[in-house]
Structures are given as C-alpha cells and as structure tokens.
PDB file of all heavy atoms in Angstrom:
ATOM      1  N   LEU A   1     102.306  87.143  73.803  1.00  0.00           N
ATOM      2  CA  LEU A   1     101.586  88.156  74.584  1.00  0.00           C
ATOM      3  C   LEU A   1     100.360  88.686  73.833  1.00  0.00           C
ATOM      4  O   LEU A   1      99.363  89.034  74.445  1.00  0.00           O
ATOM      5  CB  LEU A   1     102.523  89.296  74.956  1.00  0.00           C
ATOM      6  CG  LEU A   1     103.612  88.910  75.951  1.00  0.00           C
ATOM      7  CD1 LEU A   1     104.642  90.016  76.084  1.00  0.00           C
ATOM      8  CD2 LEU A   1     103.016  88.579  77.311  1.00  0.00           C
ATOM      9  N   ARG A   2     100.456  88.780  72.526  1.00  0.00           N
ATOM     10  CA  ARG A   2      99.360  89.125  71.610  1.00  0.00           C
ATOM     11  C   ARG A   2      98.839  90.552  71.700  1.00  0.00           C
ATOM     12  O   ARG A   2      98.474  91.129  70.706  1.00  0.00           O
ATOM     13  CB  ARG A   2      98.201  88.155  71.740  1.00  0.00           C
ATOM     14  CG  ARG A   2      98.596  86.771  71.364  1.00  0.00           C
ATOM     15  CD  ARG A   2      97.433  85.871  71.279  1.00  0.00           C
ATOM     16  NE  ARG A   2      97.935  84.542  70.951  1.00  0.00           N
ATOM     17  CZ  ARG A   2      97.194  83.555  70.654  1.00  0.00           C
ATOM     18  NH1 ARG A   2      95.894  83.681  70.638  1.00  0.00           N
ATOM     19  NH2 ARG A   2      97.727  82.388  70.363  1.00  0.00           N
ATOM     20  N   THR A   3      98.702  91.147  72.880  1.00  0.00           N
ATOM     21  CA  THR A   3      98.161  92.504  72.978  1.00  0.00           C
ATOM     22  C   THR A   3      99.158  93.420  73.671  1.00  0.00           C
ATOM     23  O   THR A   3     100.000  92.982  74.459  1.00  0.00           O
ATOM     24  CB  THR A   3      96.839  92.544  73.768  1.00  0.00           C
ATOM     25  OG1 THR A   3      97.108  92.207  75.132  1.00  0.00           O
ATOM     26  CG2 THR A   3      95.800  91.594  73.193  1.00  0.00           C
ATOM     27  N   VAL A   4      99.029  94.702  73.371  1.00  0.00           N
ATOM     28  CA  VAL A   4      99.885  95.699  74.020  1.00  0.00           C
ATOM     29  C   VAL A   4      99.627  95.702  75.525  1.00  0.00           C
ATOM     30  O   VAL A   4     100.560  95.808  76.325  1.00  0.00           O
ATOM     31  CB  VAL A   4      99.639  97.099  73.414  1.00  0.00           C
ATOM     32  CG1 VAL A   4     100.367  98.177  74.193  1.00  0.00           C
ATOM     33  CG2 VAL A   4     100.038  97.120  71.959  1.00  0.00           C
ATOM     34  N   GLU A   5      98.374  95.560  75.920  1.00  0.00           N
ATOM     35  CA  GLU A   5      98.033  95.568  77.342  1.00  0.00           C
ATOM     36  C   GLU A   5      98.727  94.432  78.083  1.00  0.00           C
ATOM     37  O   GLU A   5      99.240  94.609  79.187  1.00  0.00           O
ATOM     38  CB  GLU A   5      96.512  95.479  77.550  1.00  0.00           C
ATOM     39  CG  GLU A   5      95.755  96.701  77.077  1.00  0.00           C
ATOM     40  CD  GLU A   5      95.514  96.732  75.566  1.00  0.00           C
ATOM     41  OE1 GLU A   5      95.724  95.707  74.873  1.00  0.00           O
ATOM     42  OE2 GLU A   5      95.125  97.807  75.068  1.00  0.00           O
ATOM     43  N   ALA A   6      98.750  93.242  77.477  1.00  0.00           N
ATOM     44  CA  ALA A   6      99.417  92.097  78.103  1.00  0.00           C
ATOM     45  C   ALA A   6     100.922  92.337  78.181  1.00  0.00           C
ATOM     46  O   ALA A   6     101.551  92.026  79.197  1.00  0.00           O
ATOM     47  CB  ALA A   6      99.129  90.815  77.330  1.00  0.00           C
ATOM     48  N   ALA A   7     101.498  92.902  77.132  1.00  0.00           N
ATOM     49  CA  ALA A   7     102.929  93.208  77.135  1.00  0.00           C
ATOM     50  C   ALA A   7     103.262  94.238  78.199  1.00  0.00           C
ATOM     51  O   ALA A   7     104.263  94.112  78.920  1.00  0.00           O
ATOM     52  CB  ALA A   7     103.366  93.707  75.759  1.00  0.00           C
ATOM     53  N   PHE A   8     102.422  95.268  78.329  1.00  0.00           N
ATOM     54  CA  PHE A   8     102.640  96.299  79.350  1.00  0.00           C
ATOM     55  C   PHE A   8     102.541  95.706  80.754  1.00  0.00           C
ATOM     56  O   PHE A   8     103.364  95.992  81.620  1.00  0.00           O
ATOM     57  CB  PHE A   8     101.629  97.425  79.207  1.00  0.00           C
ATOM     58  CG  PHE A   8     101.955  98.433  78.141  1.00  0.00           C
ATOM     59  CD1 PHE A   8     102.972  98.237  77.224  1.00  0.00           C
ATOM     60  CD2 PHE A   8     101.226  99.598  78.049  1.00  0.00           C
ATOM     61  CE1 PHE A   8     103.262  99.172  76.249  1.00  0.00           C
ATOM     62  CE2 PHE A   8     101.510 100.553  77.078  1.00  0.00           C
ATOM     63  CZ  PHE A   8     102.525 100.338  76.174  1.00  0.00           C
ATOM     64  N   ALA A   9     101.537  94.884  81.000  1.00  0.00           N
ATOM     65  CA  ALA A   9     101.353  94.289  82.330  1.00  0.00           C
ATOM     66  C   ALA A   9     102.540  93.404  82.697  1.00  0.00           C
ATOM     67  O   ALA A   9     103.041  93.465  83.824  1.00  0.00           O
ATOM     68  CB  ALA A   9     100.054  93.488  82.371  1.00  0.00           C
ATOM     69  N   GLN A  10     102.999  92.598  81.753  1.00  0.00           N
ATOM     70  CA  GLN A  10     104.137  91.731  82.040  1.00  0.00           C
ATOM     71  C   GLN A  10     105.402  92.574  82.249  1.00  0.00           C
ATOM     72  O   GLN A  10     106.194  92.288  83.137  1.00  0.00           O
ATOM     73  CB  GLN A  10     104.351  90.718  80.927  1.00  0.00           C
ATOM     74  CG  GLN A  10     105.491  89.767  81.252  1.00  0.00           C
ATOM     75  CD  GLN A  10     105.541  88.576  80.329  1.00  0.00           C
ATOM     76  OE1 GLN A  10     104.549  88.196  79.736  1.00  0.00           O
ATOM     77  NE2 GLN A  10     106.706  87.980  80.219  1.00  0.00           N
ATOM     78  N   ALA A  11     105.599  93.606  81.440  1.00  0.00           N
ATOM     79  CA  ALA A  11     106.775  94.468  81.589  1.00  0.00           C
ATOM     80  C   ALA A  11     106.776  95.163  82.945  1.00  0.00           C
ATOM     81  O   ALA A  11     107.822  95.302  83.583  1.00  0.00           O
ATOM     82  CB  ALA A  11     106.814  95.504  80.465  1.00  0.00           C
ATOM     83  N   GLN A  12     105.616  95.583  83.401  1.00  0.00           N
ATOM     84  CA  GLN A  12     105.529  96.234  84.707  1.00  0.00           C
ATOM     85  C   GLN A  12     105.922  95.261  85.819  1.00  0.00           C
ATOM     86  O   GLN A  12     106.649  95.623  86.736  1.00  0.00           O
ATOM     87  CB  GLN A  12     104.120  96.769  84.925  1.00  0.00           C
ATOM     88  CG  GLN A  12     104.009  97.661  86.133  1.00  0.00           C
ATOM     89  CD  GLN A  12     102.655  98.342  86.205  1.00  0.00           C
ATOM     90  OE1 GLN A  12     101.840  98.268  85.291  1.00  0.00           O
ATOM     91  NE2 GLN A  12     102.405  99.021  87.292  1.00  0.00           N
ATOM     92  N   GLU A  13     105.473  94.024  85.740  1.00  0.00           N
ATOM     93  CA  GLU A  13     105.839  93.025  86.748  1.00  0.00           C
ATOM     94  C   GLU A  13     107.330  92.713  86.688  1.00  0.00           C
ATOM     95  O   GLU A  13     107.995  92.587  87.717  1.00  0.00           O
ATOM     96  CB  GLU A  13     105.005  91.752  86.558  1.00  0.00           C
ATOM     97  CG  GLU A  13     105.248  90.712  87.618  1.00  0.00           C
ATOM     98  CD  GLU A  13     105.020  91.206  89.046  1.00  0.00           C
ATOM     99  OE1 GLU A  13     104.110  92.031  89.274  1.00  0.00           O
ATOM    100  OE2 GLU A  13     105.783  90.781  89.945  1.00  0.00           O
ATOM    101  N   ILE A  14     107.876  92.592  85.490  1.00  0.00           N
ATOM    102  CA  ILE A  14     109.314  92.354  85.334  1.00  0.00           C
ATOM    103  C   ILE A  14     110.104  93.515  85.932  1.00  0.00           C
ATOM    104  O   ILE A  14     111.104  93.313  86.627  1.00  0.00           O
ATOM    105  CB  ILE A  14     109.667  92.168  83.842  1.00  0.00           C
ATOM    106  CG1 ILE A  14     109.099  90.837  83.327  1.00  0.00           C
ATOM    107  CG2 ILE A  14     111.171  92.252  83.613  1.00  0.00           C
ATOM    108  CD1 ILE A  14     109.147  90.696  81.809  1.00  0.00           C
ATOM    109  N   ALA A  15     109.658  94.749  85.668  1.00  0.00           N
ATOM    110  CA  ALA A  15     110.344  95.934  86.196  1.00  0.00           C
ATOM    111  C   ALA A  15     110.337  95.939  87.730  1.00  0.00           C
ATOM    112  O   ALA A  15     111.352  96.239  88.363  1.00  0.00           O
ATOM    113  CB  ALA A  15     109.688  97.205  85.660  1.00  0.00           C
ATOM    114  N   ARG A  16     109.213  95.612  88.320  1.00  0.00           N
ATOM    115  CA  ARG A  16     109.131  95.541  89.790  1.00  0.00           C
ATOM    116  C   ARG A  16     110.154  94.537  90.333  1.00  0.00           C
ATOM    117  O   ARG A  16     110.876  94.830  91.281  1.00  0.00           O
ATOM    118  CB  ARG A  16     107.730  95.116  90.237  1.00  0.00           C
ATOM    119  CG  ARG A  16     106.687  96.162  90.067  1.00  0.00           C
ATOM    120  CD  ARG A  16     105.308  95.608  90.456  1.00  0.00           C
ATOM    121  NE  ARG A  16     104.370  96.682  90.538  1.00  0.00           N
ATOM    122  CZ  ARG A  16     104.246  97.505  91.574  1.00  0.00           C
ATOM    123  NH1 ARG A  16     104.996  97.347  92.631  1.00  0.00           N
ATOM    124  NH2 ARG A  16     103.372  98.482  91.562  1.00  0.00           N
ATOM    125  N   ARG A  17     110.197  93.359  89.741  1.00  0.00           N
ATOM    126  CA  ARG A  17     111.131  92.329  90.212  1.00  0.00           C
ATOM    127  C   ARG A  17     112.579  92.778  90.026  1.00  0.00           C
ATOM    128  O   ARG A  17     113.432  92.509  90.876  1.00  0.00           O
ATOM    129  CB  ARG A  17     110.870  91.007  89.490  1.00  0.00           C
ATOM    130  CG  ARG A  17     109.576  90.341  89.921  1.00  0.00           C
ATOM    131  CD  ARG A  17     109.480  88.890  89.477  1.00  0.00           C
ATOM    132  NE  ARG A  17     109.768  88.698  88.071  1.00  0.00           N
ATOM    133  CZ  ARG A  17     108.869  88.465  87.130  1.00  0.00           C
ATOM    134  NH1 ARG A  17     107.598  88.375  87.442  1.00  0.00           N
ATOM    135  NH2 ARG A  17     109.239  88.294  85.877  1.00  0.00           N
ATOM    136  N   GLN A  18     112.862  93.465  88.922  1.00  0.00           N
ATOM    137  CA  GLN A  18     114.224  93.932  88.660  1.00  0.00           C
ATOM    138  C   GLN A  18     114.658  94.962  89.707  1.00  0.00           C
ATOM    139  O   GLN A  18     115.764  94.891  90.233  1.00  0.00           O
ATOM    140  CB  GLN A  18     114.310  94.539  87.253  1.00  0.00           C
ATOM    141  CG  GLN A  18     115.668  95.038  86.873  1.00  0.00           C
ATOM    142  CD  GLN A  18     116.682  93.929  86.650  1.00  0.00           C
ATOM    143  OE1 GLN A  18     116.340  92.758  86.604  1.00  0.00           O
ATOM    144  NE2 GLN A  18     117.929  94.288  86.524  1.00  0.00           N
ATOM    145  N   ILE A  19     113.804  95.913  90.005  1.00  0.00           N
ATOM    146  CA  ILE A  19     114.141  96.937  91.006  1.00  0.00           C
ATOM    147  C   ILE A  19     114.323  96.293  92.367  1.00  0.00           C
ATOM    148  O   ILE A  19     115.283  96.575  93.078  1.00  0.00           O
ATOM    149  CB  ILE A  19     113.064  98.036  91.038  1.00  0.00           C
ATOM    150  CG1 ILE A  19     113.115  98.854  89.742  1.00  0.00           C
ATOM    151  CG2 ILE A  19     113.235  98.935  92.253  1.00  0.00           C
ATOM    152  CD1 ILE A  19     111.941  99.783  89.541  1.00  0.00           C
ATOM    153  N   GLU A  20     113.410  95.430  92.750  1.00  0.00           N
ATOM    154  CA  GLU A  20     113.496  94.784  94.063  1.00  0.00           C
ATOM    155  C   GLU A  20     114.743  93.917  94.181  1.00  0.00           C
ATOM    156  O   GLU A  20     115.329  93.813  95.249  1.00  0.00           O
ATOM    157  CB  GLU A  20     112.227  93.985  94.329  1.00  0.00           C
ATOM    158  CG  GLU A  20     111.025  94.884  94.557  1.00  0.00           C
ATOM    159  CD  GLU A  20     109.687  94.173  94.541  1.00  0.00           C
ATOM    160  OE1 GLU A  20     109.635  92.957  94.234  1.00  0.00           O
ATOM    161  OE2 GLU A  20     108.678  94.846  94.811  1.00  0.00           O
ATOM    162  N   ALA A  21     115.188  93.310  93.077  1.00  0.00           N
ATOM    163  CA  ALA A  21     116.362  92.442  93.113  1.00  0.00           C
ATOM    164  C   ALA A  21     117.673  93.235  93.134  1.00  0.00           C
ATOM    165  O   ALA A  21     118.658  92.786  93.719  1.00  0.00           O
ATOM    166  CB  ALA A  21     116.357  91.508  91.904  1.00  0.00           C
ATOM    167  N   ARG A  22     117.694  94.411  92.521  1.00  0.00           N
ATOM    168  CA  ARG A  22     118.951  95.143  92.357  1.00  0.00           C
ATOM    169  C   ARG A  22     119.185  96.226  93.397  1.00  0.00           C
ATOM    170  O   ARG A  22     120.301  96.721  93.515  1.00  0.00           O
ATOM    171  CB  ARG A  22     119.035  95.746  90.965  1.00  0.00           C
ATOM    172  CG  ARG A  22     119.175  94.641  89.915  1.00  0.00           C
ATOM    173  CD  ARG A  22     119.581  95.139  88.575  1.00  0.00           C
ATOM    174  NE  ARG A  22     120.795  95.905  88.513  1.00  0.00           N
ATOM    175  CZ  ARG A  22     121.976  95.438  88.122  1.00  0.00           C
ATOM    176  NH1 ARG A  22     122.094  94.170  87.805  1.00  0.00           N
ATOM    177  NH2 ARG A  22     123.011  96.230  88.042  1.00  0.00           N
ATOM    178  N   LEU A  23     118.146  96.635  94.132  1.00  0.00           N
ATOM    179  CA  LEU A  23     118.315  97.724  95.092  1.00  0.00           C
ATOM    180  C   LEU A  23     118.335  97.208  96.525  1.00  0.00           C
ATOM    181  O   LEU A  23     117.573  96.314  96.880  1.00  0.00           O
ATOM    182  CB  LEU A  23     117.184  98.740  94.968  1.00  0.00           C
ATOM    183  CG  LEU A  23     117.107  99.523  93.675  1.00  0.00           C
ATOM    184  CD1 LEU A  23     115.942 100.488  93.736  1.00  0.00           C
ATOM    185  CD2 LEU A  23     118.392 100.281  93.407  1.00  0.00           C
ATOM    186  N   TYR A  24     119.179  97.824  97.319  1.00  0.00           N
ATOM    187  CA  TYR A  24     119.189  97.565  98.749  1.00  0.00           C
ATOM    188  C   TYR A  24     118.047  98.370  99.346  1.00  0.00           C
ATOM    189  O   TYR A  24     117.956  99.574  99.140  1.00  0.00           O
ATOM    190  CB  TYR A  24     120.536  97.998  99.334  1.00  0.00           C
ATOM    191  CG  TYR A  24     120.595  97.894 100.833  1.00  0.00           C
ATOM    192  CD1 TYR A  24     120.669  96.663 101.448  1.00  0.00           C
ATOM    193  CD2 TYR A  24     120.572  99.034 101.620  1.00  0.00           C
ATOM    194  CE1 TYR A  24     120.725  96.555 102.822  1.00  0.00           C
ATOM    195  CE2 TYR A  24     120.628  98.939 102.997  1.00  0.00           C
ATOM    196  CZ  TYR A  24     120.704  97.700 103.593  1.00  0.00           C
ATOM    197  OH  TYR A  24     120.754  97.596 104.953  1.00  0.00           O
ATOM    198  N   LYS A  25     117.163  97.721 100.050  1.00  0.00           N
ATOM    199  CA  LYS A  25     115.980  98.343 100.641  1.00  0.00           C
ATOM    200  C   LYS A  25     115.185  99.142  99.609  1.00  0.00           C
ATOM    201  O   LYS A  25     115.104 100.372  99.678  1.00  0.00           O
ATOM    202  CB  LYS A  25     116.368  99.249 101.816  1.00  0.00           C
ATOM    203  CG  LYS A  25     116.946  98.518 102.999  1.00  0.00           C
ATOM    204  CD  LYS A  25     117.176  99.474 104.155  1.00  0.00           C
ATOM    205  CE  LYS A  25     117.733  98.738 105.343  1.00  0.00           C
ATOM    206  NZ  LYS A  25     117.994  99.638 106.467  1.00  0.00           N
ATOM    207  N   PRO A  26     114.598  98.479  98.631  1.00  0.00           N
ATOM    208  CA  PRO A  26     113.821  99.211  97.620  1.00  0.00           C
ATOM    209  C   PRO A  26     112.603  99.881  98.244  1.00  0.00           C
ATOM    210  O   PRO A  26     112.072  99.416  99.257  1.00  0.00           O
ATOM    211  CB  PRO A  26     113.407  98.120  96.635  1.00  0.00           C
ATOM    212  CG  PRO A  26     113.469  96.858  97.407  1.00  0.00           C
ATOM    213  CD  PRO A  26     114.547  97.038  98.442  1.00  0.00           C
ATOM    214  N   PRO A  27     112.145 100.970  97.658  1.00  0.00           N
ATOM    215  CA  PRO A  27     110.970 101.659  98.188  1.00  0.00           C
ATOM    216  C   PRO A  27     109.699 100.869  97.890  1.00  0.00           C
ATOM    217  O   PRO A  27     109.715  99.914  97.105  1.00  0.00           O
ATOM    218  CB  PRO A  27     110.973 102.987  97.417  1.00  0.00           C
ATOM    219  CG  PRO A  27     111.601 102.637  96.123  1.00  0.00           C
ATOM    220  CD  PRO A  27     112.662 101.612  96.456  1.00  0.00           C
ATOM    221  N   ASP A  28     108.617 101.294  98.486  1.00  0.00           N
ATOM    222  CA  ASP A  28     107.304 100.705  98.199  1.00  0.00           C
ATOM    223  C   ASP A  28     106.885 101.184  96.814  1.00  0.00           C
ATOM    224  O   ASP A  28     106.489 102.342  96.646  1.00  0.00           O
ATOM    225  CB  ASP A  28     106.296 101.141  99.263  1.00  0.00           C
ATOM    226  CG  ASP A  28     104.891 100.640  98.974  1.00  0.00           C
ATOM    227  OD1 ASP A  28     104.721  99.778  98.090  1.00  0.00           O
ATOM    228  OD2 ASP A  28     103.960 101.119  99.645  1.00  0.00           O
ATOM    229  N   LEU A  29     107.000 100.333  95.827  1.00  0.00           N
ATOM    230  CA  LEU A  29     106.702 100.734  94.452  1.00  0.00           C
ATOM    231  C   LEU A  29     105.226 101.035  94.242  1.00  0.00           C
ATOM    232  O   LEU A  29     104.872 101.780  93.330  1.00  0.00           O
ATOM    233  CB  LEU A  29     107.189  99.661  93.480  1.00  0.00           C
ATOM    234  CG  LEU A  29     108.702  99.431  93.479  1.00  0.00           C
ATOM    235  CD1 LEU A  29     109.063  98.274  92.557  1.00  0.00           C
ATOM    236  CD2 LEU A  29     109.457 100.691  93.084  1.00  0.00           C
ATOM    237  N   ASP A  30     104.350 100.474  95.078  1.00  0.00           N
ATOM    238  CA  ASP A  30     102.918 100.755  94.953  1.00  0.00           C
ATOM    239  C   ASP A  30     102.603 102.208  95.284  1.00  0.00           C
ATOM    240  O   ASP A  30     101.584 102.735  94.850  1.00  0.00           O
ATOM    241  CB  ASP A  30     102.102  99.829  95.857  1.00  0.00           C
ATOM    242  CG  ASP A  30     102.128  98.393  95.367  1.00  0.00           C
ATOM    243  OD1 ASP A  30     102.225  98.184  94.137  1.00  0.00           O
ATOM    244  OD2 ASP A  30     102.061  97.484  96.209  1.00  0.00           O
ATOM    245  N   ALA A  31     103.464 102.870  96.049  1.00  0.00           N
ATOM    246  CA  ALA A  31     103.239 104.262  96.424  1.00  0.00           C
ATOM    247  C   ALA A  31     103.721 105.233  95.344  1.00  0.00           C
ATOM    248  O   ALA A  31     103.492 106.435  95.450  1.00  0.00           O
ATOM    249  CB  ALA A  31     103.959 104.565  97.736  1.00  0.00           C
ATOM    250  N   LEU A  32     104.362 104.723  94.314  1.00  0.00           N
ATOM    251  CA  LEU A  32     104.913 105.576  93.266  1.00  0.00           C
ATOM    252  C   LEU A  32     104.004 105.596  92.041  1.00  0.00           C
ATOM    253  O   LEU A  32     103.253 104.653  91.804  1.00  0.00           O
ATOM    254  CB  LEU A  32     106.301 105.073  92.858  1.00  0.00           C
ATOM    255  CG  LEU A  32     107.332 104.974  93.970  1.00  0.00           C
ATOM    256  CD1 LEU A  32     108.653 104.422  93.427  1.00  0.00           C
ATOM    257  CD2 LEU A  32     107.554 106.322  94.630  1.00  0.00           C
ATOM    258  N   GLU A  33     104.085 106.666  91.277  1.00  0.00           N
ATOM    259  CA  GLU A  33     103.346 106.755  90.027  1.00  0.00           C
ATOM    260  C   GLU A  33     104.076 105.915  88.982  1.00  0.00           C
ATOM    261  O   GLU A  33     105.296 105.989  88.859  1.00  0.00           O
ATOM    262  CB  GLU A  33     103.245 108.199  89.567  1.00  0.00           C
ATOM    263  CG  GLU A  33     102.394 109.046  90.493  1.00  0.00           C
ATOM    264  CD  GLU A  33     102.290 110.487  90.044  1.00  0.00           C
ATOM    265  OE1 GLU A  33     103.026 110.908  89.123  1.00  0.00           O
ATOM    266  OE2 GLU A  33     101.471 111.203  90.636  1.00  0.00           O
ATOM    267  N   THR A  34     103.334 105.122  88.238  1.00  0.00           N
ATOM    268  CA  THR A  34     103.929 104.215  87.257  1.00  0.00           C
ATOM    269  C   THR A  34     103.472 104.598  85.861  1.00  0.00           C
ATOM    270  O   THR A  34     102.306 104.918  85.657  1.00  0.00           O
ATOM    271  CB  THR A  34     103.481 102.772  87.550  1.00  0.00           C
ATOM    272  OG1 THR A  34     103.775 102.455  88.904  1.00  0.00           O
ATOM    273  CG2 THR A  34     104.179 101.780  86.643  1.00  0.00           C
ATOM    274  N   SER A  35     104.405 104.565  84.921  1.00  0.00           N
ATOM    275  CA  SER A  35     104.030 104.750  83.519  1.00  0.00           C
ATOM    276  C   SER A  35     104.719 103.663  82.698  1.00  0.00           C
ATOM    277  O   SER A  35     105.814 103.218  83.036  1.00  0.00           O
ATOM    278  CB  SER A  35     104.406 106.141  83.006  1.00  0.00           C
ATOM    279  OG  SER A  35     105.801 106.289  82.950  1.00  0.00           O
ATOM    280  N   VAL A  36     104.052 103.246  81.644  1.00  0.00           N
ATOM    281  CA  VAL A  36     104.568 102.207  80.756  1.00  0.00           C
ATOM    282  C   VAL A  36     104.373 102.713  79.330  1.00  0.00           C
ATOM    283  O   VAL A  36     103.279 103.157  78.977  1.00  0.00           O
ATOM    284  CB  VAL A  36     103.815 100.876  80.949  1.00  0.00           C
ATOM    285  CG1 VAL A  36     104.417  99.781  80.095  1.00  0.00           C
ATOM    286  CG2 VAL A  36     103.808 100.462  82.419  1.00  0.00           C
ATOM    287  N   GLU A  37     105.444 102.666  78.529  1.00  0.00           N
ATOM    288  CA  GLU A  37     105.345 103.165  77.167  1.00  0.00           C
ATOM    289  C   GLU A  37     106.272 102.392  76.237  1.00  0.00           C
ATOM    290  O   GLU A  37     107.273 101.827  76.672  1.00  0.00           O
ATOM    291  CB  GLU A  37     105.693 104.654  77.115  1.00  0.00           C
ATOM    292  CG  GLU A  37     107.110 104.948  77.568  1.00  0.00           C
ATOM    293  CD  GLU A  37     107.430 106.430  77.653  1.00  0.00           C
ATOM    294  OE1 GLU A  37     106.738 107.235  77.014  1.00  0.00           O
ATOM    295  OE2 GLU A  37     108.385 106.770  78.363  1.00  0.00           O
ATOM    296  N   VAL A  38     105.914 102.382  74.969  1.00  0.00           N
ATOM    297  CA  VAL A  38     106.771 101.800  73.939  1.00  0.00           C
ATOM    298  C   VAL A  38     107.640 102.938  73.402  1.00  0.00           C
ATOM    299  O   VAL A  38     107.126 104.005  73.060  1.00  0.00           O
ATOM    300  CB  VAL A  38     105.938 101.186  72.795  1.00  0.00           C
ATOM    301  CG1 VAL A  38     106.836 100.711  71.665  1.00  0.00           C
ATOM    302  CG2 VAL A  38     105.083 100.049  73.310  1.00  0.00           C
ATOM    303  N   VAL A  39     108.947 102.707  73.366  1.00  0.00           N
ATOM    304  CA  VAL A  39     109.885 103.714  72.867  1.00  0.00           C
ATOM    305  C   VAL A  39     110.925 103.043  71.975  1.00  0.00           C
ATOM    306  O   VAL A  39     111.129 101.835  72.044  1.00  0.00           O
ATOM    307  CB  VAL A  39     110.592 104.474  74.022  1.00  0.00           C
ATOM    308  CG1 VAL A  39     109.600 105.281  74.834  1.00  0.00           C
ATOM    309  CG2 VAL A  39     111.349 103.531  74.916  1.00  0.00           C
ATOM    310  N   MET A  40     111.570 103.838  71.161  1.00  0.00           N
ATOM    311  CA  MET A  40     112.686 103.372  70.335  1.00  0.00           C
ATOM    312  C   MET A  40     113.965 103.852  71.011  1.00  0.00           C
ATOM    313  O   MET A  40     114.132 105.057  71.221  1.00  0.00           O
ATOM    314  CB  MET A  40     112.588 103.933  68.921  1.00  0.00           C
ATOM    315  CG  MET A  40     111.350 103.499  68.160  1.00  0.00           C
ATOM    316  SD  MET A  40     111.263 101.731  67.837  1.00  0.00           S
ATOM    317  CE  MET A  40     112.519 101.552  66.594  1.00  0.00           C
TER     318      MET A  40
END
C-alpha cells in the first residue's frame, strides 16, 4: 500500500463491503459521515 492514504482508502472500501455483507438491509453508507484513523 506504501502510503497512509492508500491504506485508508482500501480500509474504507473493505469496511463498506463488510457492513453490506453482514447486515440485513444495510443503510446507504454514502449518506453517513465517515472517519478513518489508525489506533492501537
């Protein structure tokens, strides 16, 4: 991935797919506020 920006973008896409796969009738994620951060 090389950059934090690339890692964040990929993580956001992975998160979208995870929510859509695990929830029955997931909400429109584009309408929600999104944050991405590195945490321990």
